[in-house]
């Protein structure tokens, strides 16, 4: 599947944000669209992933009562809701809606989200956390690259949150680039707090 141009992703994301915000549904964009928005090098995506803090039935009602150009399936899956946005240029953009807690934090708050151009996204800390958890189950190289890019480009990451079940430690054992950056971040935090870090070898 070919990647979707950034401007079409933005068009779909703004429409999605209007639908969800208009119905009082908390949300946070994540996945590949967040990576593209942050400017992760050589990153493309074919769809938009979005966490919602609401039952899917309410989300479906929000779509059906909206004038935005979304197509909603008749049946509901238990773990993901897939909808399609028809852009002004006639190109379809796939959107996957994920339940908060099943994916990402249980509750979406200002402390674990951020706003970019009027759209709510997961914070860098939570993005790394979701990527690390995904990597431990599927071992995609793309997840490693996304994590490495964020570690290199963002400060003030919560080192406890980004290492769920020691998943980042495991990633560091297998990837030397991750290991160097992660140990530098971790040791800097331990040095500033006077705590002792773990073994690096």
N, C-alpha and C. Protein backbone atom coordinates (compact mmCIF):
# COMPACT_ATOMS: atom_id res chain seq x y z
N UNK A 1 0.84 -1.20 0.00
CA UNK A 1 0.00 0.00 0.00
C UNK A 1 0.88 1.25 0.00
N UNK A 2 0.56 2.22 -0.85
CA UNK A 2 1.34 3.44 -0.94
C UNK A 2 1.05 4.35 0.25
N UNK A 3 2.06 5.15 0.60
CA UNK A 3 1.87 6.10 1.69
C UNK A 3 0.93 7.21 1.26
N UNK A 4 0.29 7.83 2.25
CA UNK A 4 -0.63 8.93 2.01
C UNK A 4 0.11 10.25 2.19
N UNK A 5 -0.03 11.21 1.27
CA UNK A 5 0.63 12.51 1.42
C UNK A 5 0.24 13.19 2.74
N UNK A 6 1.18 13.92 3.31
CA UNK A 6 0.96 14.56 4.61
C UNK A 6 -0.24 15.48 4.59
N UNK A 7 -0.46 16.22 3.50
CA UNK A 7 -1.58 17.16 3.49
C UNK A 7 -2.93 16.44 3.55
N UNK A 8 -3.01 15.24 2.99
CA UNK A 8 -4.26 14.48 3.07
C UNK A 8 -4.45 13.89 4.46
N UNK A 9 -3.37 13.46 5.08
CA UNK A 9 -3.45 13.00 6.47
C UNK A 9 -3.92 14.13 7.38
N UNK A 10 -3.38 15.33 7.16
CA UNK A 10 -3.78 16.48 7.96
C UNK A 10 -5.26 16.80 7.77
N UNK A 11 -5.72 16.74 6.52
CA UNK A 11 -7.13 17.01 6.24
C UNK A 11 -8.02 16.02 6.98
N UNK A 12 -7.66 14.75 6.93
CA UNK A 12 -8.44 13.73 7.62
C UNK A 12 -8.37 13.90 9.13
N UNK A 13 -7.19 14.23 9.65
CA UNK A 13 -7.02 14.39 11.10
C UNK A 13 -7.82 15.56 11.63
N UNK A 14 -7.83 16.67 10.91
CA UNK A 14 -8.62 17.82 11.35
C UNK A 14 -10.11 17.49 11.34
N UNK A 15 -10.56 16.77 10.31
CA UNK A 15 -11.97 16.37 10.27
C UNK A 15 -12.29 15.43 11.42
N UNK A 16 -11.40 14.49 11.69
CA UNK A 16 -11.59 13.56 12.80
C UNK A 16 -11.64 14.29 14.13
N UNK A 17 -10.74 15.25 14.32
CA UNK A 17 -10.73 16.03 15.55
C UNK A 17 -12.03 16.80 15.74
N UNK A 18 -12.57 17.33 14.66
CA UNK A 18 -13.85 18.06 14.75
C UNK A 18 -14.98 17.13 15.18
N UNK A 19 -15.00 15.94 14.62
CA UNK A 19 -16.05 14.97 14.98
C UNK A 19 -15.96 14.60 16.46
N UNK A 20 -14.78 14.25 16.90
CA UNK A 20 -14.62 13.77 18.27
C UNK A 20 -14.78 14.90 19.29
N UNK A 21 -14.13 16.02 19.05
CA UNK A 21 -14.25 17.15 19.98
C UNK A 21 -15.67 17.66 20.05
N UNK A 22 -16.35 17.67 18.90
CA UNK A 22 -17.73 18.15 18.87
C UNK A 22 -18.68 17.31 19.69
N UNK A 23 -18.31 16.06 19.95
CA UNK A 23 -19.14 15.17 20.77
C UNK A 23 -18.56 14.96 22.16
N UNK A 24 -17.57 15.76 22.51
CA UNK A 24 -16.98 15.67 23.84
C UNK A 24 -16.19 14.39 24.09
N UNK A 25 -15.63 13.83 23.04
CA UNK A 25 -14.87 12.59 23.15
C UNK A 25 -13.37 12.89 23.20
N UNK A 26 -12.73 12.48 24.27
CA UNK A 26 -11.29 12.66 24.38
C UNK A 26 -10.57 11.78 23.38
N UNK A 27 -9.50 12.30 22.79
CA UNK A 27 -8.78 11.55 21.77
C UNK A 27 -7.31 11.95 21.77
N UNK A 28 -6.50 11.13 21.12
CA UNK A 28 -5.09 11.46 20.89
C UNK A 28 -4.60 10.70 19.67
N UNK A 29 -4.11 11.42 18.67
CA UNK A 29 -3.53 10.78 17.50
C UNK A 29 -2.20 10.12 17.91
N UNK A 30 -1.88 9.02 17.24
CA UNK A 30 -0.67 8.29 17.60
C UNK A 30 -0.12 7.58 16.37
N UNK A 31 0.74 6.59 16.57
CA UNK A 31 1.22 5.77 15.46
C UNK A 31 2.01 6.53 14.41
N UNK A 32 1.91 6.05 13.18
CA UNK A 32 2.68 6.61 12.08
C UNK A 32 2.37 8.06 11.79
N UNK A 33 1.12 8.47 11.98
CA UNK A 33 0.78 9.87 11.71
C UNK A 33 1.49 10.79 12.68
N UNK A 34 1.60 10.38 13.93
CA UNK A 34 2.36 11.17 14.90
C UNK A 34 3.82 11.25 14.48
N UNK A 35 4.38 10.13 14.04
CA UNK A 35 5.79 10.12 13.60
C UNK A 35 6.00 11.08 12.43
N UNK A 36 5.10 11.04 11.46
CA UNK A 36 5.19 11.94 10.30
C UNK A 36 5.07 13.39 10.74
N UNK A 37 4.15 13.67 11.66
CA UNK A 37 3.94 15.04 12.14
C UNK A 37 5.15 15.56 12.90
N UNK A 38 5.78 14.70 13.68
CA UNK A 38 6.98 15.10 14.41
C UNK A 38 8.17 15.33 13.49
N UNK A 39 8.12 14.75 12.31
CA UNK A 39 9.22 14.90 11.37
C UNK A 39 10.24 13.80 11.43
N UNK A 40 9.84 12.62 11.91
CA UNK A 40 10.76 11.48 11.95
C UNK A 40 11.28 11.22 10.54
N UNK A 41 12.58 11.11 10.41
CA UNK A 41 13.21 10.96 9.10
C UNK A 41 12.78 9.67 8.40
N UNK A 42 12.56 9.79 7.09
CA UNK A 42 12.23 8.62 6.26
C UNK A 42 10.99 7.89 6.75
N UNK A 43 10.05 8.63 7.33
CA UNK A 43 8.85 7.99 7.89
C UNK A 43 7.65 8.30 7.01
N UNK A 44 6.90 7.28 6.68
CA UNK A 44 5.66 7.42 5.93
C UNK A 44 4.59 6.61 6.64
N UNK A 45 3.34 6.82 6.25
CA UNK A 45 2.26 6.02 6.82
C UNK A 45 1.11 5.93 5.82
N UNK A 46 0.31 4.91 5.96
CA UNK A 46 -0.81 4.69 5.06
C UNK A 46 -2.15 5.03 5.70
N UNK A 47 -2.13 5.37 7.00
CA UNK A 47 -3.40 5.62 7.68
C UNK A 47 -3.17 6.48 8.91
N UNK A 48 -4.24 6.69 9.66
CA UNK A 48 -4.18 7.44 10.91
C UNK A 48 -4.64 6.54 12.03
N UNK A 49 -3.87 6.50 13.10
CA UNK A 49 -4.27 5.79 14.32
C UNK A 49 -4.67 6.84 15.36
N UNK A 50 -5.76 6.57 16.06
CA UNK A 50 -6.25 7.54 17.04
C UNK A 50 -6.84 6.81 18.24
N UNK A 51 -6.38 7.16 19.42
CA UNK A 51 -6.92 6.62 20.66
C UNK A 51 -8.14 7.45 21.07
N UNK A 52 -9.21 6.79 21.49
CA UNK A 52 -10.40 7.49 21.95
C UNK A 52 -10.74 7.04 23.37
N UNK A 53 -11.18 8.00 24.16
CA UNK A 53 -11.57 7.69 25.54
C UNK A 53 -13.09 7.72 25.63
N UNK A 54 -13.69 6.74 24.99
CA UNK A 54 -15.15 6.66 24.94
C UNK A 54 -15.54 5.31 24.37
N UNK A 55 -16.70 4.77 24.75
CA UNK A 55 -17.17 3.53 24.12
C UNK A 55 -17.35 3.74 22.61
N UNK A 56 -17.10 2.70 21.85
CA UNK A 56 -17.20 2.81 20.40
C UNK A 56 -18.61 3.19 19.94
N UNK A 57 -19.62 2.77 20.68
CA UNK A 57 -20.99 3.12 20.29
C UNK A 57 -21.17 4.64 20.25
N UNK A 58 -20.60 5.32 21.24
CA UNK A 58 -20.69 6.78 21.26
C UNK A 58 -19.89 7.38 20.12
N UNK A 59 -18.74 6.79 19.82
CA UNK A 59 -17.92 7.28 18.71
C UNK A 59 -18.66 7.14 17.39
N UNK A 60 -19.32 6.00 17.19
CA UNK A 60 -20.09 5.79 15.96
C UNK A 60 -21.21 6.82 15.85
N UNK A 61 -21.89 7.09 16.96
CA UNK A 61 -22.96 8.10 16.94
C UNK A 61 -22.40 9.47 16.55
N UNK A 62 -21.19 9.75 17.02
CA UNK A 62 -20.56 11.04 16.68
C UNK A 62 -20.33 11.13 15.18
N UNK A 63 -19.89 10.05 14.57
CA UNK A 63 -19.67 10.05 13.12
C UNK A 63 -20.98 10.17 12.35
N UNK A 64 -21.97 9.40 12.75
CA UNK A 64 -23.23 9.38 11.99
C UNK A 64 -24.00 10.69 12.10
N UNK A 65 -23.78 11.44 13.18
CA UNK A 65 -24.46 12.72 13.34
C UNK A 65 -23.64 13.89 12.79
N UNK A 66 -22.46 13.59 12.26
CA UNK A 66 -21.58 14.63 11.75
C UNK A 66 -21.75 14.81 10.25
N UNK A 67 -21.41 16.01 9.78
CA UNK A 67 -21.45 16.28 8.34
C UNK A 67 -20.10 16.00 7.67
N UNK A 68 -19.10 15.59 8.46
CA UNK A 68 -17.79 15.28 7.89
C UNK A 68 -17.89 14.02 7.03
N UNK A 69 -17.01 13.91 6.06
CA UNK A 69 -17.12 12.86 5.04
C UNK A 69 -16.44 11.55 5.46
N UNK A 70 -17.02 10.92 6.49
CA UNK A 70 -16.52 9.63 6.97
C UNK A 70 -17.51 8.53 6.65
N UNK A 71 -16.98 7.36 6.34
CA UNK A 71 -17.79 6.16 6.17
C UNK A 71 -17.52 5.23 7.34
N UNK A 72 -18.60 4.80 8.00
CA UNK A 72 -18.47 3.98 9.21
C UNK A 72 -19.04 2.60 8.93
N UNK A 73 -18.34 1.52 9.33
CA UNK A 73 -18.86 0.17 9.09
C UNK A 73 -20.11 -0.10 9.91
N UNK A 74 -20.88 -1.06 9.46
CA UNK A 74 -22.13 -1.38 10.16
C UNK A 74 -21.89 -2.17 11.44
N UNK A 75 -20.84 -2.99 11.47
CA UNK A 75 -20.56 -3.80 12.65
C UNK A 75 -19.44 -3.19 13.48
N UNK A 76 -19.40 -3.55 14.77
CA UNK A 76 -18.38 -3.04 15.67
C UNK A 76 -17.44 -4.16 16.09
N UNK A 77 -16.15 -3.93 15.96
CA UNK A 77 -15.16 -4.86 16.49
C UNK A 77 -14.92 -4.52 17.96
N UNK A 78 -14.39 -5.47 18.70
CA UNK A 78 -14.20 -5.25 20.12
C UNK A 78 -12.97 -4.41 20.44
N UNK A 79 -11.98 -4.43 19.55
CA UNK A 79 -10.71 -3.78 19.89
C UNK A 79 -10.34 -2.60 19.00
N UNK A 80 -10.93 -2.50 17.82
CA UNK A 80 -10.59 -1.40 16.91
C UNK A 80 -11.79 -1.05 16.05
N UNK A 81 -11.96 0.24 15.81
CA UNK A 81 -13.03 0.74 14.93
C UNK A 81 -12.36 1.36 13.71
N UNK A 82 -12.66 0.82 12.54
CA UNK A 82 -12.04 1.31 11.31
C UNK A 82 -13.06 2.12 10.51
N UNK A 83 -12.68 3.35 10.20
CA UNK A 83 -13.53 4.22 9.39
C UNK A 83 -12.69 4.75 8.22
N UNK A 84 -13.37 5.32 7.24
CA UNK A 84 -12.69 5.86 6.06
C UNK A 84 -13.11 7.30 5.83
N UNK A 85 -12.13 8.15 5.58
CA UNK A 85 -12.39 9.55 5.28
C UNK A 85 -12.17 9.79 3.79
N UNK A 86 -13.13 10.43 3.14
CA UNK A 86 -12.99 10.80 1.73
C UNK A 86 -12.53 12.26 1.66
N UNK A 87 -11.32 12.47 1.17
CA UNK A 87 -10.74 13.81 1.11
C UNK A 87 -11.40 14.64 0.02
N UNK A 88 -11.11 15.94 0.02
CA UNK A 88 -11.66 16.83 -1.01
C UNK A 88 -11.19 16.45 -2.40
N UNK A 89 -10.03 15.80 -2.47
CA UNK A 89 -9.49 15.38 -3.77
C UNK A 89 -10.01 14.00 -4.18
N UNK A 90 -10.86 13.41 -3.35
CA UNK A 90 -11.45 12.12 -3.67
C UNK A 90 -10.62 10.92 -3.26
N UNK A 91 -9.52 11.15 -2.55
CA UNK A 91 -8.67 10.06 -2.09
C UNK A 91 -9.11 9.63 -0.69
N UNK A 92 -9.22 8.34 -0.48
CA UNK A 92 -9.64 7.81 0.82
C UNK A 92 -8.45 7.72 1.78
N UNK A 93 -8.71 8.06 3.04
CA UNK A 93 -7.73 7.92 4.10
C UNK A 93 -8.32 7.00 5.16
N UNK A 94 -7.65 5.91 5.45
CA UNK A 94 -8.11 4.97 6.46
C UNK A 94 -7.78 5.49 7.86
N UNK A 95 -8.71 5.29 8.77
CA UNK A 95 -8.53 5.71 10.16
C UNK A 95 -8.84 4.52 11.07
N UNK A 96 -7.95 4.24 12.00
CA UNK A 96 -8.18 3.19 12.99
C UNK A 96 -8.31 3.84 14.36
N UNK A 97 -9.44 3.61 15.01
CA UNK A 97 -9.70 4.15 16.34
C UNK A 97 -9.49 3.04 17.36
N UNK A 98 -8.72 3.35 18.39
CA UNK A 98 -8.33 2.37 19.40
C UNK A 98 -8.82 2.83 20.76
N UNK A 99 -9.20 1.88 21.59
CA UNK A 99 -9.74 2.20 22.91
C UNK A 99 -8.61 2.56 23.87
N UNK A 100 -8.76 3.69 24.57
CA UNK A 100 -7.78 4.07 25.59
C UNK A 100 -7.68 2.95 26.63
N UNK A 101 -6.46 2.67 27.07
CA UNK A 101 -6.26 1.57 28.01
C UNK A 101 -5.92 0.28 27.30
N UNK A 102 -6.64 -0.02 26.23
CA UNK A 102 -6.28 -1.17 25.40
C UNK A 102 -5.00 -0.83 24.62
N UNK A 103 -4.88 0.46 24.28
CA UNK A 103 -3.70 0.98 23.58
C UNK A 103 -3.42 2.35 24.16
N UNK A 104 -2.21 2.56 24.63
CA UNK A 104 -1.88 3.85 25.22
C UNK A 104 -2.39 3.96 26.64
N UNK A 105 -2.34 5.16 27.21
CA UNK A 105 -2.74 5.35 28.61
C UNK A 105 -4.23 5.09 28.82
N UNK A 106 -4.58 4.75 30.06
CA UNK A 106 -5.98 4.48 30.40
C UNK A 106 -6.81 5.75 30.28
N UNK A 107 -6.23 6.86 30.72
CA UNK A 107 -6.92 8.15 30.63
C UNK A 107 -6.04 9.13 29.86
N UNK A 108 -6.67 9.89 28.99
CA UNK A 108 -5.96 10.92 28.23
C UNK A 108 -6.07 12.23 28.98
N UNK A 109 -4.93 12.80 29.35
CA UNK A 109 -4.89 14.02 30.14
C UNK A 109 -3.87 14.98 29.54
N UNK A 110 -3.87 16.24 29.99
CA UNK A 110 -2.86 17.18 29.49
C UNK A 110 -1.42 16.74 29.77
N UNK A 111 -1.24 15.88 30.77
CA UNK A 111 0.12 15.43 31.11
C UNK A 111 0.64 14.35 30.17
N UNK A 112 -0.24 13.65 29.46
CA UNK A 112 0.23 12.61 28.55
C UNK A 112 -0.16 12.85 27.09
N UNK A 113 -0.60 14.06 26.80
CA UNK A 113 -0.92 14.44 25.43
C UNK A 113 -0.30 15.80 25.12
N UNK A 114 -0.34 16.18 23.85
CA UNK A 114 0.14 17.50 23.43
C UNK A 114 -0.67 17.93 22.22
N UNK A 115 -0.70 19.22 21.97
CA UNK A 115 -1.45 19.76 20.83
C UNK A 115 -0.49 20.30 19.78
N UNK A 116 -0.71 19.89 18.53
CA UNK A 116 0.07 20.38 17.40
C UNK A 116 -0.91 20.85 16.34
N UNK A 117 -0.86 22.14 16.04
CA UNK A 117 -1.76 22.72 15.02
C UNK A 117 -3.23 22.39 15.29
N UNK A 118 -3.60 22.44 16.57
CA UNK A 118 -5.00 22.24 16.93
C UNK A 118 -5.44 20.79 17.02
N UNK A 119 -4.53 19.85 16.84
CA UNK A 119 -4.84 18.43 16.93
C UNK A 119 -4.13 17.83 18.14
N UNK A 120 -4.83 16.99 18.89
CA UNK A 120 -4.26 16.38 20.08
C UNK A 120 -3.53 15.08 19.71
N UNK A 121 -2.31 14.96 20.21
CA UNK A 121 -1.48 13.78 19.98
C UNK A 121 -1.01 13.23 21.33
N UNK A 122 -0.57 11.97 21.32
CA UNK A 122 0.13 11.46 22.48
C UNK A 122 1.41 12.26 22.69
N UNK A 123 1.83 12.40 23.94
CA UNK A 123 3.10 13.06 24.24
C UNK A 123 4.26 12.18 23.78
N UNK A 124 5.45 12.76 23.61
CA UNK A 124 6.61 11.95 23.23
C UNK A 124 6.86 10.78 24.17
N UNK A 125 6.69 11.01 25.48
CA UNK A 125 6.87 9.92 26.43
C UNK A 125 5.92 8.77 26.16
N UNK A 126 4.63 9.09 25.99
CA UNK A 126 3.64 8.04 25.76
C UNK A 126 3.82 7.39 24.40
N UNK A 127 4.30 8.16 23.43
CA UNK A 127 4.55 7.59 22.11
C UNK A 127 5.65 6.53 22.19
N UNK A 128 6.75 6.86 22.89
CA UNK A 128 7.82 5.89 23.06
C UNK A 128 7.31 4.66 23.80
N UNK A 129 6.52 4.89 24.83
CA UNK A 129 5.98 3.77 25.61
C UNK A 129 5.17 2.82 24.73
N UNK A 130 4.28 3.37 23.91
CA UNK A 130 3.46 2.51 23.04
C UNK A 130 4.32 1.79 22.01
N UNK A 131 5.35 2.46 21.51
CA UNK A 131 6.23 1.85 20.52
C UNK A 131 7.07 0.72 21.14
N UNK A 132 7.54 0.93 22.35
CA UNK A 132 8.32 -0.11 23.03
C UNK A 132 7.44 -1.33 23.29
N UNK A 133 6.22 -1.10 23.76
CA UNK A 133 5.31 -2.21 24.02
C UNK A 133 4.99 -2.96 22.73
N UNK A 134 4.80 -2.23 21.64
CA UNK A 134 4.52 -2.88 20.36
C UNK A 134 5.73 -3.70 19.91
N UNK A 135 6.93 -3.13 20.07
CA UNK A 135 8.14 -3.83 19.64
C UNK A 135 8.35 -5.14 20.38
N UNK A 136 8.03 -5.18 21.66
CA UNK A 136 8.25 -6.41 22.42
C UNK A 136 7.40 -7.56 21.91
N UNK A 137 6.30 -7.24 21.22
CA UNK A 137 5.43 -8.30 20.72
C UNK A 137 5.64 -8.61 19.24
N UNK A 138 6.12 -7.61 18.45
CA UNK A 138 6.23 -7.84 17.01
C UNK A 138 7.62 -7.64 16.43
N UNK A 139 8.51 -6.96 17.18
CA UNK A 139 9.91 -6.78 16.79
C UNK A 139 10.07 -6.13 15.40
N UNK A 140 9.29 -5.08 15.14
CA UNK A 140 9.43 -4.35 13.88
C UNK A 140 10.61 -3.39 13.96
N UNK A 141 11.43 -3.36 12.92
CA UNK A 141 12.52 -2.41 12.87
C UNK A 141 12.04 -0.97 12.84
N UNK A 142 10.86 -0.75 12.28
CA UNK A 142 10.29 0.60 12.22
C UNK A 142 10.05 1.14 13.63
N UNK A 143 9.64 0.29 14.56
CA UNK A 143 9.42 0.72 15.94
C UNK A 143 10.74 1.17 16.56
N UNK A 144 11.80 0.45 16.28
CA UNK A 144 13.12 0.80 16.81
C UNK A 144 13.55 2.17 16.30
N UNK A 145 13.37 2.42 15.01
CA UNK A 145 13.75 3.70 14.43
C UNK A 145 12.94 4.85 15.03
N UNK A 146 11.63 4.63 15.22
CA UNK A 146 10.79 5.67 15.81
C UNK A 146 11.24 6.00 17.23
N UNK A 147 11.51 4.96 18.01
CA UNK A 147 11.98 5.16 19.38
C UNK A 147 13.31 5.89 19.39
N UNK A 148 14.24 5.47 18.55
CA UNK A 148 15.56 6.10 18.50
C UNK A 148 15.45 7.58 18.16
N UNK A 149 14.60 7.91 17.20
CA UNK A 149 14.46 9.31 16.78
C UNK A 149 13.93 10.17 17.92
N UNK A 150 12.93 9.67 18.65
CA UNK A 150 12.37 10.46 19.76
C UNK A 150 13.40 10.59 20.88
N UNK A 151 14.09 9.52 21.20
CA UNK A 151 15.11 9.61 22.25
C UNK A 151 16.18 10.64 21.91
N UNK A 152 16.51 10.76 20.64
CA UNK A 152 17.54 11.71 20.22
C UNK A 152 17.04 13.15 20.15
N UNK A 153 15.75 13.33 19.97
CA UNK A 153 15.24 14.67 19.66
C UNK A 153 14.36 15.30 20.73
N UNK A 154 14.05 14.57 21.79
CA UNK A 154 13.21 15.14 22.85
C UNK A 154 13.88 14.99 24.20
N UNK A 155 13.77 16.05 24.99
CA UNK A 155 14.25 16.01 26.36
C UNK A 155 13.06 15.84 27.31
N UNK A 156 13.35 15.67 28.58
CA UNK A 156 12.32 15.58 29.62
C UNK A 156 11.39 14.39 29.42
N UNK A 157 11.89 13.32 28.83
CA UNK A 157 11.10 12.09 28.76
C UNK A 157 11.06 11.44 30.14
N UNK A 158 9.93 10.85 30.49
CA UNK A 158 9.78 10.15 31.77
C UNK A 158 10.43 8.77 31.63
N UNK A 159 11.59 8.58 32.22
CA UNK A 159 12.34 7.35 31.98
C UNK A 159 11.64 6.13 32.56
N UNK A 160 10.77 6.32 33.55
CA UNK A 160 10.02 5.18 34.08
C UNK A 160 8.90 4.78 33.12
N UNK A 161 8.26 5.76 32.49
CA UNK A 161 7.16 5.47 31.57
C UNK A 161 7.65 4.87 30.26
N UNK A 162 8.83 5.28 29.80
CA UNK A 162 9.27 4.81 28.48
C UNK A 162 9.94 3.44 28.52
N UNK A 163 10.00 2.84 29.71
CA UNK A 163 10.62 1.52 29.83
C UNK A 163 9.64 0.51 30.42
N UNK A 164 8.46 0.33 29.78
CA UNK A 164 7.45 -0.57 30.34
C UNK A 164 7.94 -2.01 30.38
N UNK A 165 7.84 -2.61 31.57
CA UNK A 165 8.26 -4.01 31.76
C UNK A 165 9.68 -4.24 31.22
N UNK A 166 10.53 -3.22 31.39
CA UNK A 166 11.93 -3.28 30.94
C UNK A 166 12.06 -3.52 29.44
N UNK A 167 11.03 -3.13 28.69
CA UNK A 167 11.06 -3.34 27.24
C UNK A 167 12.13 -2.53 26.53
N UNK A 168 12.38 -1.31 27.03
CA UNK A 168 13.42 -0.50 26.40
C UNK A 168 14.80 -1.05 26.71
N UNK A 169 14.97 -1.61 27.90
CA UNK A 169 16.23 -2.28 28.22
C UNK A 169 16.46 -3.45 27.26
N UNK A 170 15.39 -4.20 26.98
CA UNK A 170 15.50 -5.33 26.06
C UNK A 170 15.84 -4.85 24.65
N UNK A 171 15.20 -3.76 24.22
CA UNK A 171 15.50 -3.20 22.91
C UNK A 171 16.96 -2.75 22.84
N UNK A 172 17.44 -2.16 23.92
CA UNK A 172 18.82 -1.68 23.97
C UNK A 172 19.82 -2.83 23.87
N UNK A 173 19.46 -3.97 24.42
CA UNK A 173 20.35 -5.13 24.35
C UNK A 173 20.54 -5.60 22.91
N UNK A 174 19.50 -5.42 22.08
CA UNK A 174 19.54 -5.92 20.71
C UNK A 174 19.98 -4.87 19.69
N UNK A 175 19.95 -3.58 20.09
CA UNK A 175 20.26 -2.51 19.12
C UNK A 175 21.23 -1.53 19.76
N UNK A 176 22.44 -1.47 19.24
CA UNK A 176 23.49 -0.66 19.85
C UNK A 176 23.18 0.83 19.82
N UNK A 177 22.52 1.32 18.76
CA UNK A 177 22.18 2.74 18.69
C UNK A 177 21.23 3.12 19.82
N UNK A 178 20.24 2.28 20.06
CA UNK A 178 19.31 2.51 21.16
C UNK A 178 20.05 2.45 22.48
N UNK A 179 20.93 1.48 22.62
CA UNK A 179 21.64 1.28 23.88
C UNK A 179 22.41 2.53 24.30
N UNK A 180 23.16 3.12 23.37
CA UNK A 180 23.97 4.28 23.71
C UNK A 180 23.11 5.46 24.14
N UNK A 181 22.07 5.76 23.36
CA UNK A 181 21.22 6.91 23.67
C UNK A 181 20.44 6.68 24.96
N UNK A 182 19.88 5.49 25.12
CA UNK A 182 19.08 5.19 26.29
C UNK A 182 19.92 5.23 27.56
N UNK A 183 21.11 4.66 27.53
CA UNK A 183 21.95 4.68 28.72
C UNK A 183 22.39 6.11 29.06
N UNK A 184 22.65 6.92 28.05
CA UNK A 184 23.02 8.32 28.30
C UNK A 184 21.88 9.06 28.99
N UNK A 185 20.66 8.87 28.50
CA UNK A 185 19.50 9.53 29.10
C UNK A 185 19.28 9.04 30.52
N UNK A 186 19.30 7.75 30.68
CA UNK A 186 19.05 7.14 31.99
C UNK A 186 20.08 7.57 33.02
N UNK A 187 21.36 7.52 32.62
CA UNK A 187 22.42 7.87 33.55
C UNK A 187 22.39 9.35 33.92
N UNK A 188 22.00 10.20 32.97
CA UNK A 188 21.91 11.63 33.26
C UNK A 188 20.84 11.89 34.31
N UNK A 189 19.73 11.18 34.22
CA UNK A 189 18.66 11.34 35.20
C UNK A 189 19.10 10.82 36.56
N UNK A 190 19.73 9.65 36.58
CA UNK A 190 20.20 9.10 37.84
C UNK A 190 21.25 10.00 38.49
N UNK A 191 22.13 10.57 37.67
CA UNK A 191 23.16 11.47 38.21
C UNK A 191 22.54 12.71 38.84
N UNK A 192 21.48 13.23 38.20
CA UNK A 192 20.86 14.45 38.71
C UNK A 192 20.06 14.22 39.97
N UNK A 193 19.58 12.97 40.17
CA UNK A 193 18.78 12.67 41.35
C UNK A 193 19.58 11.99 42.45
N UNK A 194 20.82 11.60 42.11
CA UNK A 194 21.64 10.93 43.11
C UNK A 194 21.34 9.46 43.25
N UNK A 195 20.48 8.92 42.35
CA UNK A 195 20.14 7.50 42.40
C UNK A 195 21.16 6.72 41.61
N UNK A 196 21.16 5.42 41.83
CA UNK A 196 22.10 4.57 41.12
C UNK A 196 21.42 3.93 39.93
N UNK A 197 22.09 3.96 38.77
CA UNK A 197 21.56 3.30 37.58
C UNK A 197 21.93 1.84 37.58
N UNK A 198 21.39 1.11 36.60
CA UNK A 198 21.67 -0.31 36.47
C UNK A 198 22.97 -0.52 35.72
N UNK A 199 23.33 -1.79 35.60
CA UNK A 199 24.53 -2.13 34.86
C UNK A 199 24.34 -1.84 33.38
N UNK A 200 25.34 -1.32 32.73
CA UNK A 200 25.26 -1.02 31.31
C UNK A 200 25.65 -2.20 30.44
N UNK A 201 26.22 -3.20 31.02
CA UNK A 201 26.69 -4.33 30.23
C UNK A 201 25.90 -5.58 30.56
